[in-house]
Amino acid sequence: MMPFDPTLFTISAIVCWLIGMTLFLFQDKLTVIKISAHGFFLAGVVVLTVLAVMLWQELGRAPMRTLGETRLWYALFLPLTGYATYIRWNYKWIIYYSGVMAIVFLGVNLAYPDNYDRALMPALQSVWFVPHVIVYIFAYAILAVSALAAIKGLYVNYFQKSRDWSPQLADNLVYLGLGFLTLGLLFGALWGKEAWGHYWTWDPKETWAFLTWIGYLAYVHFRHHQPKKVVVAMWVLALAFVVLLICWFGVNYLPSAANSVHTYS
C-alpha cells in the first residue's frame, strides 16, 4: 500500500481546474479574479506534477507502463499545452477544452484505478523508455488541441460562414506536434534495436504510429501546396487525429495486438 493517496491528489487537481475555469469566465471584471484564475489553473498542473513525481519515487520506475499511467501524463500535459497556447495566442476556449479533457482522463482513472506494480518487464528497462513515452504523450496533447482547432474551423465554415477564422493556430500546433511525434518515432526505433534487436518490425503499434506520422505530414504538405483549400485541410487534420486515437487506444483491441511486443499489461 502506498504511503500517500493518489486519489486525493487527483481530486485536488480536478477541483483546482474547475475553480480556475470558472474564474476565467469573470476574469475581465477584476484583476484579482484574473490572477486567481491563472493561479488555480496552474495549481492543478502543479498538483498533478507532484503526484507523478511521488509515484515515480514510490514505484522506483517511471509511471508510464499502463494506460492509466499514460492518462495521468496526458492529463498533465494537456492543460499545460492549453495554458501555453492561451498565453501565446489568447484563445480562451483552449483553457476550457484542455481543462475539461484533463478532468475526463482523471475521471476515468478514478473510476478504474490502476493496481500500481513496481515490476517493469525487461523490454521496458531501457534508457529510451522515458523519453519515448514523454515526447509521444506531449505530442498527443499538442495534436489534440490542433484537432479541436480543426473542428472549430469546420464549424465556422459550415455553420457561421465567417471569413475571420484563420488556420494559423492549427498550423503552428501541428508543426510543433509533428516534431515531437518524429522524435517519438526515432526514440522508439532506438529502443526497439536495444530491446528486440531491430529498429523496425512492422508491429501493429509501430504500423499505426507510422500511419499517424504520415497523416500529420500529409496535412503539412497539403497546407504548403494548397494554402487556399482550408476546409479540406481541416478534414485531413481531424482524420489524422482519429488515426492517432486508434494508435493510442484502438490498436489494443485489434486481433493482431495479441501477438504485439508492445503489449505490456
Foldseek 3Di string as FASTA:
>chain_A
DDPDDLVVLLVQLLVLLVQLLVLVVVCVPDVVSVVSSVVSNVVSLVSLVVSQVSLCVVLVHRQQQDPLSLLSLLLNLQLVLLVVLCVVPVPSVSNVVSSVSSNVSSVVCVVPPDPDHSDDDPLCPDPLNVLLSNLLSNLLSLLVSLLVLLVVVLCCVPPVVDPPDDSVSSLVSLVVSLVSLVVNLQSQLVSCCVRPNGSDDVQPLNVLSVVLSVLSVVLNVCCVVPVPPSNVSSVSSNVSSVSVCCSSPVSCVDPSVVPGPSDRD
